[in-house]
N, C-alpha and C. Protein backbone atom coordinates (compact mmCIF):
# COMPACT_ATOMS: atom_id res chain seq x y z
N UNK A 1 107.57 129.71 77.98
CA UNK A 1 106.31 130.44 77.96
C UNK A 1 106.09 132.13 78.55
N UNK A 2 106.46 133.25 77.93
CA UNK A 2 106.60 134.37 78.11
C UNK A 2 105.42 134.91 78.65
N UNK A 3 105.90 136.35 79.22
CA UNK A 3 104.44 136.94 80.18
C UNK A 3 103.14 136.74 79.31
N UNK A 4 103.43 137.14 77.79
CA UNK A 4 102.18 137.88 76.88
C UNK A 4 101.24 136.84 77.02
N UNK A 5 101.79 135.03 76.65
CA UNK A 5 101.38 133.98 76.73
C UNK A 5 100.76 133.60 77.93
N UNK A 6 101.29 134.05 79.19
CA UNK A 6 100.99 133.28 80.24
C UNK A 6 99.61 134.19 80.85
N UNK A 7 100.07 135.21 80.35
CA UNK A 7 98.59 136.48 81.02
C UNK A 7 97.63 135.93 79.69
N UNK A 8 97.70 135.48 78.34
CA UNK A 8 96.53 135.22 78.03
C UNK A 8 96.03 133.99 78.57
N UNK A 9 96.67 133.11 79.09
CA UNK A 9 95.74 131.85 79.45
C UNK A 9 95.43 132.37 80.60
N UNK A 10 96.08 133.20 81.44
CA UNK A 10 95.45 132.90 82.84
C UNK A 10 93.87 134.31 82.70
N UNK A 11 93.95 134.97 81.34
CA UNK A 11 92.80 135.92 81.55
C UNK A 11 91.43 134.99 80.94
N UNK A 12 92.09 133.79 80.56
CA UNK A 12 90.40 133.14 80.04
C UNK A 12 89.51 132.27 80.92
N UNK A 13 90.39 131.72 82.35
CA UNK A 13 89.56 130.83 82.67
C UNK A 13 89.04 132.18 84.18
N UNK A 14 89.57 133.44 84.33
CA UNK A 14 89.37 134.21 85.46
C UNK A 14 88.16 134.81 85.66
N UNK A 15 87.59 134.49 86.61
CA UNK A 15 86.19 135.59 87.07
C UNK A 15 86.80 137.11 87.21
N UNK A 16 85.77 137.78 86.46
CA UNK A 16 86.15 139.55 86.75
C UNK A 16 86.55 139.81 88.12
N UNK A 17 87.99 140.41 88.37
CA UNK A 17 88.05 140.23 89.53
C UNK A 17 87.34 142.03 90.37
N UNK A 18 86.60 142.63 89.57
CA UNK A 18 85.74 143.39 89.73
C UNK A 18 84.73 142.80 90.95
N UNK A 19 84.07 141.45 90.85
CA UNK A 19 83.29 140.73 91.30
C UNK A 19 83.53 140.67 92.86
N UNK A 20 82.68 141.51 93.74
CA UNK A 20 82.78 141.23 95.25
C UNK A 20 82.38 139.88 95.74
N UNK A 21 83.51 139.41 97.03
CA UNK A 21 83.49 137.97 97.28
C UNK A 21 82.17 138.15 97.95
N UNK A 22 81.16 137.13 98.49
CA UNK A 22 80.10 136.63 98.86
C UNK A 22 80.75 136.68 100.56
N UNK A 23 80.29 137.48 101.69
CA UNK A 23 80.93 137.16 102.72
C UNK A 23 79.69 136.67 103.84
N UNK A 24 80.83 135.94 104.35
CA UNK A 24 79.27 134.90 105.59
C UNK A 24 78.58 134.15 104.59
N UNK A 25 78.98 133.75 103.23
CA UNK A 25 77.69 132.48 102.15
C UNK A 25 77.54 131.42 103.26
N UNK A 26 76.72 130.82 103.00
CA UNK A 26 76.72 129.42 103.60
C UNK A 26 76.26 128.58 102.31
N UNK A 27 76.94 127.37 102.78
CA UNK A 27 76.78 125.97 102.13
C UNK A 27 75.75 125.66 101.73
N UNK A 28 75.55 125.53 100.29
CA UNK A 28 74.14 125.17 99.56
C UNK A 28 73.37 126.43 99.50
N UNK A 29 73.96 127.40 100.28
CA UNK A 29 72.47 129.08 99.46
C UNK A 29 72.22 128.77 98.14
N UNK A 30 70.91 129.29 98.13
CA UNK A 30 70.40 129.34 97.16
C UNK A 30 70.87 130.82 96.41
N UNK A 31 71.38 130.91 94.77
CA UNK A 31 71.84 132.36 94.57
C UNK A 31 73.80 132.11 94.71
N UNK A 32 74.22 131.54 95.45
CA UNK A 32 75.61 131.69 95.65
C UNK A 32 75.83 130.63 94.41
N UNK A 33 77.18 131.32 94.26
CA UNK A 33 77.59 130.32 92.87
C UNK A 33 78.28 129.01 94.28
N UNK A 34 78.17 128.07 93.46
CA UNK A 34 78.79 126.63 93.87
C UNK A 34 80.60 126.77 93.80
N UNK A 35 81.34 126.64 95.42
CA UNK A 35 82.56 126.75 95.13
C UNK A 35 82.96 125.00 95.02
N UNK A 36 84.23 125.00 94.78
CA UNK A 36 84.72 123.79 94.51
C UNK A 36 84.83 123.49 96.11
N UNK A 37 84.45 121.94 96.61
CA UNK A 37 84.28 121.40 97.78
C UNK A 37 85.58 120.56 97.78
N UNK A 38 86.47 121.18 98.51
CA UNK A 38 88.12 120.51 99.36
C UNK A 38 87.65 118.67 99.49
N UNK A 39 88.81 118.09 99.38
CA UNK A 39 88.42 116.46 99.49
C UNK A 39 88.47 116.74 101.57
N UNK A 40 88.73 117.63 102.26
CA UNK A 40 88.60 117.23 103.24
C UNK A 40 87.24 117.84 103.89
N UNK A 41 86.59 118.54 102.83
CA UNK A 41 85.24 119.33 102.87
C UNK A 41 83.92 118.09 102.24
N UNK A 42 84.00 117.32 102.28
CA UNK A 42 82.90 115.85 102.19
C UNK A 42 81.89 116.13 102.91
N UNK A 43 82.26 116.11 103.92
CA UNK A 43 81.21 116.37 105.18
C UNK A 43 80.89 117.61 106.09
N UNK A 44 81.31 118.20 105.67
CA UNK A 44 81.03 119.61 105.64
C UNK A 44 79.61 120.15 106.25
N UNK A 45 78.84 120.06 107.40
CA UNK A 45 77.94 120.27 107.11
C UNK A 45 77.54 121.56 106.69
N UNK A 46 76.57 121.58 106.64
CA UNK A 46 75.62 123.02 105.86
C UNK A 46 75.94 124.36 107.26
N UNK A 47 76.44 125.53 106.64
CA UNK A 47 76.19 126.45 107.90
C UNK A 47 77.23 127.29 107.29
N UNK A 48 77.68 128.33 108.06
CA UNK A 48 78.20 129.78 107.55
C UNK A 48 79.74 129.27 107.09
N UNK A 49 80.02 129.70 106.05
CA UNK A 49 81.80 129.18 105.71
C UNK A 49 82.54 131.12 105.99
N UNK A 50 83.73 130.97 106.59
CA UNK A 50 84.36 131.81 106.62
C UNK A 50 84.85 132.72 105.86
N UNK A 51 84.86 133.73 105.01
CA UNK A 51 85.73 134.37 103.64
C UNK A 51 86.89 134.40 104.23
N UNK A 52 87.97 134.35 102.64
CA UNK A 52 89.26 134.20 103.02
C UNK A 52 89.65 134.53 101.35
N UNK A 53 90.63 134.86 101.20
CA UNK A 53 91.50 135.35 100.12
C UNK A 53 92.79 134.76 99.95
N UNK A 54 93.22 134.24 98.69
CA UNK A 54 94.63 134.04 98.66
C UNK A 54 95.63 134.64 97.59
N UNK A 55 96.57 134.84 97.35
CA UNK A 55 97.52 135.47 96.00
C UNK A 55 97.65 134.45 95.13
N UNK A 56 97.85 134.24 94.22
CA UNK A 56 98.42 133.30 93.67
C UNK A 56 99.36 134.14 92.19
N UNK A 57 100.42 134.55 92.74
CA UNK A 57 101.06 135.42 92.00
C UNK A 57 102.14 134.77 90.96
N UNK A 58 102.03 135.20 90.09
CA UNK A 58 103.09 134.42 88.75
C UNK A 58 104.41 135.34 88.52
N UNK A 59 105.67 134.74 88.85
CA UNK A 59 106.88 135.35 88.70
C UNK A 59 107.34 135.05 87.48
N UNK A 60 107.54 136.61 86.76
CA UNK A 60 108.06 136.15 85.13
C UNK A 60 109.00 136.75 84.90
N UNK A 61 109.58 135.65 85.74
CA UNK A 61 111.49 135.37 85.23
C UNK A 61 111.68 135.18 84.24
N UNK A 62 113.14 134.36 83.66
CA UNK A 62 113.37 133.75 82.16
C UNK A 62 112.57 132.46 82.81
N UNK A 63 112.58 131.54 83.73
CA UNK A 63 111.57 130.48 83.89
C UNK A 63 110.05 130.81 84.72
N UNK A 64 109.05 131.38 84.31
CA UNK A 64 107.99 131.38 84.93
C UNK A 64 107.38 130.45 85.96
N UNK A 65 107.14 130.78 87.63
CA UNK A 65 106.59 130.05 88.30
C UNK A 65 105.49 130.97 89.20
N UNK A 66 105.06 130.00 90.01
CA UNK A 66 103.70 130.56 90.59
C UNK A 66 104.77 130.58 92.54
N UNK A 67 104.24 131.77 92.88
CA UNK A 67 105.16 131.89 94.07
C UNK A 67 104.43 131.28 95.13
N UNK A 68 104.94 130.64 96.09
CA UNK A 68 104.37 129.91 97.14
C UNK A 68 105.48 130.15 98.10
N UNK A 69 104.65 129.93 99.66
CA UNK A 69 105.53 130.14 100.84
C UNK A 69 105.11 128.71 101.97
N UNK A 70 106.39 128.89 102.56
CA UNK A 70 106.15 127.66 103.90
C UNK A 70 106.21 128.16 105.04
N UNK A 71 104.84 128.05 105.89
CA UNK A 71 104.55 128.73 107.11
C UNK A 71 105.80 128.03 108.50
N UNK A 72 105.88 129.26 109.14
CA UNK A 72 106.84 128.92 110.13
C UNK A 72 106.23 127.82 110.66
N UNK A 73 106.80 127.04 111.73
CA UNK A 73 106.61 125.99 112.36
C UNK A 73 105.92 125.87 113.95
N UNK A 74 105.89 127.38 113.91
CA UNK A 74 105.11 127.77 115.17
C UNK A 74 103.49 127.78 115.53
N UNK A 75 103.34 128.16 113.95
CA UNK A 75 102.12 128.75 113.82
C UNK A 75 100.58 127.83 114.41
N UNK A 76 99.37 128.56 115.06
CA UNK A 76 98.98 127.80 115.78
C UNK A 76 98.16 127.03 114.51
N UNK A 77 97.99 127.07 113.52
CA UNK A 77 97.21 127.03 112.40
C UNK A 77 98.04 125.96 111.14
N UNK A 78 98.13 125.35 110.29
CA UNK A 78 98.84 124.77 109.33
C UNK A 78 100.23 125.10 109.10
N UNK A 79 100.71 124.93 110.81
CA UNK A 79 102.22 125.13 111.25
C UNK A 79 103.11 124.48 110.18
N UNK A 80 104.09 124.89 109.62
CA UNK A 80 104.79 124.32 108.20
C UNK A 80 104.22 123.98 107.15
N UNK A 81 103.48 124.47 106.50
CA UNK A 81 102.90 123.78 105.51
C UNK A 81 102.88 125.19 104.66
N UNK A 82 102.80 124.44 103.17
CA UNK A 82 103.15 125.11 102.19
C UNK A 82 101.79 125.85 101.61
N UNK A 83 101.85 126.76 101.61
CA UNK A 83 100.67 127.95 101.02
C UNK A 83 100.45 128.97 100.11
N UNK A 84 99.81 129.52 99.76
CA UNK A 84 100.16 131.27 99.12
C UNK A 84 99.96 132.24 100.31
N UNK A 85 100.38 133.18 99.69
CA UNK A 85 100.47 134.18 100.51
C UNK A 85 98.63 134.75 100.82
N UNK A 86 97.93 134.67 102.00
CA UNK A 86 96.47 135.08 102.29
C UNK A 86 96.00 134.47 103.62
N UNK A 87 94.71 135.07 103.76
CA UNK A 87 94.15 134.80 104.74
C UNK A 87 92.61 135.03 104.72
N UNK A 88 92.51 135.65 105.99
CA UNK A 88 90.97 135.80 106.21
C UNK A 88 90.27 136.79 105.55
N UNK A 89 89.23 137.51 105.31
CA UNK A 89 88.79 138.40 104.81
C UNK A 89 88.42 139.41 105.64
N UNK A 90 88.63 140.51 106.31
CA UNK A 90 88.95 141.66 107.02
C UNK A 90 87.37 142.48 106.74
N UNK A 91 86.55 142.73 107.97
CA UNK A 91 85.56 143.37 107.72
C UNK A 91 85.99 144.94 106.75
N UNK A 92 87.17 145.53 106.80
CA UNK A 92 87.83 145.96 106.37
C UNK A 92 88.30 146.27 104.70
N UNK A 93 88.39 144.94 104.81
CA UNK A 93 88.79 144.76 103.16
C UNK A 93 87.56 144.73 102.44
N UNK A 94 87.84 145.46 100.91
CA UNK A 94 86.56 146.23 100.00
C UNK A 94 86.03 144.71 99.57
N UNK A 95 87.17 143.76 99.06
CA UNK A 95 87.32 142.40 98.21
C UNK A 95 88.14 141.82 98.77
N UNK A 96 88.04 141.01 97.92
CA UNK A 96 88.72 139.31 98.16
C UNK A 96 90.21 139.95 97.71
N UNK A 97 90.27 140.83 96.37
CA UNK A 97 91.73 141.10 95.83
C UNK A 97 92.30 142.02 96.94
N UNK A 98 91.47 143.25 97.62
CA UNK A 98 91.98 143.47 98.65
C UNK A 98 92.93 142.58 100.18
N UNK A 99 91.66 141.68 100.26
CA UNK A 99 92.50 141.10 101.38
C UNK A 99 93.62 140.29 100.92
N UNK A 100 93.76 139.57 99.67
CA UNK A 100 95.01 138.81 99.16
C UNK A 100 95.92 140.34 99.41
N UNK A 101 95.68 140.76 98.81
CA UNK A 101 97.05 141.86 98.41
C UNK A 101 97.75 142.40 99.92
N UNK A 102 96.34 142.83 101.04
CA UNK A 102 97.10 142.92 102.26
C UNK A 102 97.84 141.85 102.53
N UNK A 103 97.47 140.40 102.97
CA UNK A 103 97.74 139.66 103.68
C UNK A 103 99.50 139.43 102.84
N UNK A 104 99.55 139.53 101.46
CA UNK A 104 100.80 139.05 100.77
C UNK A 104 101.81 140.71 101.27
N UNK A 105 101.09 141.71 101.30
CA UNK A 105 102.39 143.01 101.88
C UNK A 105 102.85 142.31 103.25
N UNK A 106 101.59 141.98 104.14
CA UNK A 106 101.95 141.58 105.62
C UNK A 106 103.02 140.32 105.78
N UNK A 107 102.70 139.28 105.01
CA UNK A 107 103.49 138.14 105.28
C UNK A 107 104.74 138.44 104.33
N UNK A 108 105.20 138.69 103.22
CA UNK A 108 105.99 138.43 102.34
C UNK A 108 106.78 139.96 102.30
N UNK A 109 106.48 141.17 102.33
CA UNK A 109 106.60 142.57 101.95
C UNK A 109 106.43 142.69 100.22
N UNK A 110 105.66 142.27 100.25
CA UNK A 110 104.96 142.40 98.45
C UNK A 110 104.22 143.85 98.73
N UNK A 111 104.53 144.72 97.52
CA UNK A 111 104.13 145.96 97.34
C UNK A 111 102.85 145.30 96.19
N UNK A 112 101.61 145.99 96.57
CA UNK A 112 100.28 145.74 95.97
C UNK A 112 100.46 146.57 95.05
N UNK A 113 101.28 147.45 94.88
CA UNK A 113 101.60 148.29 93.28
C UNK A 113 102.57 147.91 92.20
N UNK A 114 102.94 146.58 92.72
CA UNK A 114 103.85 145.22 91.87
C UNK A 114 102.56 144.35 91.37
N UNK A 115 102.10 144.22 91.41
CA UNK A 115 100.85 143.10 91.06
C UNK A 115 100.14 143.53 90.08
N UNK A 116 99.89 142.87 89.03
CA UNK A 116 99.03 143.38 88.13
C UNK A 116 98.01 142.09 88.25
N UNK A 117 96.50 142.66 89.39
CA UNK A 117 95.39 141.62 89.06
C UNK A 117 94.68 141.28 87.80
N UNK A 118 94.52 139.69 87.56
CA UNK A 118 94.22 139.63 86.24
C UNK A 118 92.70 138.99 86.45
N UNK A 119 92.02 138.87 87.96
CA UNK A 119 91.14 137.74 88.03
C UNK A 119 91.04 136.65 89.37
N UNK A 120 89.65 135.70 88.81
CA UNK A 120 90.06 134.82 90.30
C UNK A 120 89.65 133.34 89.45
N UNK A 121 90.19 132.25 90.48
CA UNK A 121 89.79 131.08 89.81
C UNK A 121 88.40 130.81 91.01
N UNK A 122 87.80 129.41 90.76
CA UNK A 122 86.45 129.32 91.62
C UNK A 122 86.86 129.54 93.30
N UNK A 123 85.81 129.90 93.64
CA UNK A 123 86.39 129.50 95.27
C UNK A 123 86.22 128.10 95.92
N UNK A 124 87.30 127.82 96.86
CA UNK A 124 87.63 126.63 97.16
C UNK A 124 86.96 126.34 98.68
N UNK A 125 86.55 125.38 99.22
CA UNK A 125 85.71 124.87 100.58
C UNK A 125 86.58 123.94 100.83
N UNK A 126 87.27 124.40 102.18
CA UNK A 126 88.20 123.73 103.14
C UNK A 126 87.18 122.82 104.19
N UNK A 127 87.77 121.95 105.09
CA UNK A 127 86.71 121.14 105.86
C UNK A 127 87.02 122.06 107.35
N UNK A 128 87.81 122.85 107.35
CA UNK A 128 87.70 123.79 108.39
C UNK A 128 86.36 124.97 108.06
N UNK A 129 85.52 124.79 107.03
CA UNK A 129 84.80 125.72 106.97
C UNK A 129 85.06 127.47 106.56
N UNK A 130 86.25 127.61 105.35
CA UNK A 130 86.67 128.46 104.99
C UNK A 130 86.75 128.40 103.46
N UNK A 131 85.70 129.30 102.69
CA UNK A 131 85.60 129.71 101.98
C UNK A 131 86.99 130.62 100.81
N UNK A 132 87.56 129.99 100.25
CA UNK A 132 88.90 130.51 100.29
C UNK A 132 88.57 131.22 98.83
N UNK A 133 88.73 132.27 97.75
CA UNK A 133 88.96 133.31 96.99
C UNK A 133 90.31 133.31 96.22
N UNK A 134 90.62 132.11 95.49
CA UNK A 134 91.80 132.61 94.90
C UNK A 134 92.19 133.86 93.75
N UNK A 135 93.03 134.79 94.08
CA UNK A 135 93.11 135.96 93.35
C UNK A 135 94.53 135.44 92.40
N UNK A 136 94.18 135.52 91.26
CA UNK A 136 95.69 135.46 90.33
C UNK A 136 96.19 136.85 89.90
N UNK A 137 97.58 136.62 90.22
CA UNK A 137 98.27 138.00 89.64
C UNK A 137 99.35 137.93 89.29
N UNK A 138 100.04 138.82 88.86
CA UNK A 138 101.27 138.82 87.35
C UNK A 138 102.66 139.55 88.21
N UNK A 139 103.45 139.22 88.22
CA UNK A 139 104.66 140.42 89.00
C UNK A 139 105.08 141.03 88.07
N UNK A 140 106.20 141.80 87.81
CA UNK A 140 106.89 142.53 87.13
C UNK A 140 107.65 141.77 86.39
N UNK A 141 107.48 141.91 85.05
CA UNK A 141 108.13 140.73 83.95
C UNK A 141 109.57 140.84 84.30
N UNK A 142 110.19 140.09 83.71
CA UNK A 142 111.42 140.10 83.36
C UNK A 142 112.16 139.47 85.00
N UNK A 143 111.54 140.02 85.73
CA UNK A 143 112.34 139.88 87.48
C UNK A 143 112.04 138.64 88.22
N UNK A 144 112.97 137.74 88.30
CA UNK A 144 113.47 136.78 89.00
C UNK A 144 112.86 137.28 90.62
N UNK A 145 112.37 136.11 91.02
CA UNK A 145 112.14 135.67 92.59
C UNK A 145 113.15 136.73 93.40
N UNK A 146 114.35 136.33 93.18
CA UNK A 146 115.31 137.10 94.35
C UNK A 146 115.24 138.54 93.81
N UNK A 147 114.90 139.52 92.20
CA UNK A 147 114.92 140.43 92.33
C UNK A 147 113.53 140.97 92.74
N UNK A 148 113.23 140.86 93.80
CA UNK A 148 111.19 141.82 93.92
C UNK A 148 111.36 142.12 95.13
N UNK A 149 112.77 142.11 95.65
CA UNK A 149 112.60 142.98 97.24
C UNK A 149 111.87 142.50 98.04
N UNK A 150 111.14 141.24 98.58
CA UNK A 150 110.29 140.74 99.44
C UNK A 150 111.34 140.62 100.61
N UNK A 151 110.31 141.15 101.60
CA UNK A 151 110.86 140.71 102.97
C UNK A 151 109.56 140.22 103.87
N UNK A 152 110.00 138.80 104.09
CA UNK A 152 109.16 137.65 104.63
C UNK A 152 108.92 137.61 105.69
N UNK A 153 107.89 137.77 106.85
CA UNK A 153 107.31 137.93 108.01
C UNK A 153 108.51 136.70 108.90
N UNK A 154 109.44 137.03 109.64
CA UNK A 154 110.38 135.90 110.38
C UNK A 154 108.92 135.16 111.08
N UNK A 155 107.75 136.11 111.65
CA UNK A 155 106.79 135.10 112.57
C UNK A 155 105.85 134.13 111.80
N UNK A 156 105.78 134.53 110.51
CA UNK A 156 104.65 134.07 110.07
C UNK A 156 105.54 132.95 108.49
N UNK A 157 106.72 133.71 107.68
CA UNK A 157 106.96 133.02 106.90
C UNK A 157 108.88 132.31 107.15
N UNK A 158 108.84 130.67 106.64
CA UNK A 158 109.94 130.32 107.22
C UNK A 158 110.78 130.36 105.58
N UNK A 159 110.02 130.23 104.53
CA UNK A 159 111.06 130.08 102.92
C UNK A 159 109.78 130.80 102.08
N UNK A 160 110.14 131.33 100.86
CA UNK A 160 109.46 131.92 99.49
C UNK A 160 110.13 130.99 98.56
N UNK A 161 108.98 130.51 97.47
CA UNK A 161 110.12 129.59 96.48
C UNK A 161 108.80 130.04 94.82
N UNK A 162 108.93 129.06 94.00
CA UNK A 162 108.08 128.81 93.09
C UNK A 162 108.68 127.31 92.34
N UNK A 163 107.26 127.44 92.49
CA UNK A 163 106.97 125.97 91.62
C UNK A 163 106.32 126.59 90.24
N UNK A 164 107.51 126.18 89.34
CA UNK A 164 107.50 126.37 87.83
C UNK A 164 106.24 125.90 86.74
N UNK A 165 105.89 127.12 86.24
CA UNK A 165 104.70 126.83 85.45
C UNK A 165 105.17 125.46 84.38
N UNK A 166 105.99 124.95 83.83
CA UNK A 166 106.13 123.91 83.33
C UNK A 166 105.59 122.44 84.12
N UNK A 167 106.21 122.54 85.27
CA UNK A 167 105.32 121.34 86.46
C UNK A 167 103.94 122.05 86.41
N UNK A 168 103.77 122.89 86.26
CA UNK A 168 102.00 123.03 86.39
C UNK A 168 101.58 122.22 85.22
N UNK A 169 101.55 122.73 83.81
CA UNK A 169 101.76 122.50 82.64
C UNK A 169 101.61 120.69 82.40
N UNK A 170 102.10 120.09 83.25
CA UNK A 170 102.83 118.73 82.87
C UNK A 170 101.13 117.53 83.73
N UNK A 171 100.53 116.88 83.12
CA UNK A 171 99.42 116.45 83.52
C UNK A 171 99.62 115.54 84.46
N UNK A 172 100.72 115.02 84.17
CA UNK A 172 101.46 113.56 85.53
C UNK A 172 101.83 114.23 86.36
N UNK A 173 102.15 115.40 86.55
CA UNK A 173 103.02 115.99 87.44
C UNK A 173 102.41 115.78 89.33
N UNK A 174 100.86 116.23 88.94
CA UNK A 174 100.35 115.85 90.89
C UNK A 174 99.81 114.65 90.96
N UNK A 175 99.75 114.11 91.91
CA UNK A 175 99.87 112.91 92.50
C UNK A 175 98.49 112.76 93.58
N UNK A 176 98.16 111.37 93.43
CA UNK A 176 96.85 111.61 94.66
C UNK A 176 97.69 110.51 95.75
N UNK A 177 97.21 110.71 96.64
CA UNK A 177 97.79 110.11 98.34
C UNK A 177 96.61 110.02 99.38
N UNK A 178 97.01 108.69 99.70
CA UNK A 178 96.20 108.27 100.72
C UNK A 178 96.62 108.35 102.34
N UNK A 179 96.21 108.96 102.94
CA UNK A 179 97.00 108.86 104.76
C UNK A 179 95.76 108.97 105.65
N UNK A 180 96.21 108.28 106.66
CA UNK A 180 95.05 107.77 107.69
C UNK A 180 94.94 108.82 108.44
N UNK A 181 94.00 110.06 109.03
CA UNK A 181 94.52 110.94 109.51
C UNK A 181 93.29 111.52 110.52
N UNK A 182 93.53 111.25 111.76
CA UNK A 182 92.39 112.05 112.49
C UNK A 182 91.19 110.89 112.91
N UNK A 183 91.58 110.05 112.79
CA UNK A 183 91.06 108.77 112.85
C UNK A 183 90.01 108.09 111.18
N UNK A 184 90.70 109.03 110.13
CA UNK A 184 89.75 108.19 109.16
C UNK A 184 90.69 108.63 107.84
N UNK A 185 90.19 107.89 106.84
CA UNK A 185 91.51 107.40 105.50
C UNK A 185 91.02 109.11 104.57
N UNK A 186 92.13 109.63 104.37
CA UNK A 186 91.76 110.96 103.53
C UNK A 186 92.64 110.66 102.23
N UNK A 187 91.78 111.53 101.04
CA UNK A 187 92.85 110.85 99.86
C UNK A 187 93.00 112.79 99.72
N UNK A 188 94.22 113.40 98.95
CA UNK A 188 94.60 113.98 98.79
C UNK A 188 95.63 114.76 97.20
N UNK A 189 95.84 115.94 97.34
CA UNK A 189 96.68 115.97 96.14
C UNK A 189 97.84 116.37 96.47
N UNK A 190 98.90 116.01 95.97
CA UNK A 190 100.55 116.52 96.20
C UNK A 190 101.26 116.56 94.69
N UNK A 191 101.97 117.80 94.93
CA UNK A 191 102.76 118.21 94.14
C UNK A 191 104.08 117.73 94.32
N UNK A 192 104.99 117.59 93.33
CA UNK A 192 106.52 117.41 93.22
C UNK A 192 107.41 118.50 93.54
N UNK A 193 108.04 118.85 94.49
CA UNK A 193 109.00 119.69 94.40
C UNK A 193 110.12 119.25 95.49
N UNK A 194 111.95 119.27 94.73
CA UNK A 194 112.16 119.24 95.78
C UNK A 194 112.66 118.84 97.03
N UNK A 195 112.06 120.65 97.60
CA UNK A 195 112.49 120.66 98.86
C UNK A 195 111.34 120.62 99.40
N UNK A 196 109.96 120.92 99.49
CA UNK A 196 109.18 121.25 100.00
C UNK A 196 107.89 120.36 99.50
N UNK A 197 106.66 119.98 100.04
CA UNK A 197 105.57 118.95 100.47
C UNK A 197 104.70 119.82 100.49
N UNK A 198 104.21 119.58 98.82
CA UNK A 198 103.34 120.62 98.77
C UNK A 198 101.56 119.62 98.29
N UNK A 199 100.83 120.26 99.48
CA UNK A 199 99.86 119.27 99.89
C UNK A 199 98.46 119.79 99.88
N UNK A 200 97.71 119.08 100.35
CA UNK A 200 96.10 120.00 101.18
C UNK A 200 95.30 120.94 100.22
N UNK A 201 95.11 122.08 100.89
CA UNK A 201 94.16 123.04 99.66
C UNK A 201 95.13 123.70 98.78
N UNK A 202 96.24 124.27 98.99
CA UNK A 202 97.16 124.90 97.75
C UNK A 202 97.34 123.51 96.60
N UNK A 203 97.73 122.50 97.61
CA UNK A 203 97.67 121.52 96.16
C UNK A 203 96.25 121.04 95.05
N UNK A 204 95.64 121.68 96.08
CA UNK A 204 94.11 121.53 95.17
C UNK A 204 93.80 122.44 94.49
N UNK A 205 93.77 123.34 94.82
CA UNK A 205 93.95 124.91 94.01
C UNK A 205 94.58 125.19 93.00
N UNK A 206 95.74 124.70 93.41
CA UNK A 206 97.11 124.69 91.78
C UNK A 206 96.75 123.40 90.49
N UNK A 207 96.09 122.58 90.95
CA UNK A 207 95.44 121.59 90.33
C UNK A 207 93.94 122.09 89.56
N UNK A 208 93.56 122.73 90.16
CA UNK A 208 92.60 123.54 89.21
C UNK A 208 92.90 124.78 88.23
N UNK A 209 94.11 125.20 88.86
CA UNK A 209 94.46 126.36 87.60
C UNK A 209 95.34 125.97 86.74
N UNK A 210 96.01 124.53 87.23
CA UNK A 210 96.32 124.02 86.08
C UNK A 210 95.84 123.43 85.02
N UNK A 211 94.53 123.13 85.44
CA UNK A 211 93.65 122.32 84.57
C UNK A 211 92.96 123.60 83.34
N UNK A 212 93.02 124.39 84.11
CA UNK A 212 92.50 125.91 83.68
C UNK A 212 93.80 126.60 82.51
N UNK A 213 95.15 126.14 83.06
CA UNK A 213 96.03 126.35 81.86
C UNK A 213 96.22 125.68 80.96
N UNK A 214 95.66 124.64 80.97
CA UNK A 214 96.46 123.49 80.11
C UNK A 214 95.02 123.08 79.09
N UNK A 215 93.68 123.85 79.61
CA UNK A 215 92.52 123.86 78.79
C UNK A 215 92.77 125.07 77.61
N UNK A 216 93.59 125.92 77.97
CA UNK A 216 93.71 127.27 77.22
C UNK A 216 94.73 126.98 76.04
N UNK A 217 95.43 125.94 76.45
CA UNK A 217 96.22 125.37 74.79
C UNK A 217 95.47 125.32 73.69
């Protein structure tokens, strides 16, 4: 798949990048577009959600892929897990796109000027009370991951890697798993990768992304 084809597929499902996020939106609030509730958010009580944003960047090298990071093991939350670059939307962030780009620069040294923003996927709500806005972006065509000049923060990121688009387009790739967590059984998505365990909110957002990409075929 070339850059033009991928761009066309991504533009079809995305919400306009100019649409500002709802800051402090309430679960089930009237007039707020309903986000997708994650597997761990089924029992989330009504209340205020914390707005967050992640950048979902596509590396347009010879084999396009989605850029992901592995968090360091000593972080206070989600230590050692695979994630997209991102975090809370701060009061100084103009919108979700600004927050996603800021966090990506802080976490992996990605220059915001090198990201072509394409829009958003539907918001995703986690069981910890976050309303995550996934922001779609393209990195410079023709450049592989190791040529992007990234400088991951040693305090936050252990590794930066890719999940190939060919895996995303395979409907049999993501698998449902079941585990006993904190006194209850949970089901969640897992994506295959030879080195990293991709699950949780990141895996669920990838499932939503893959469905949109395949729907554009």
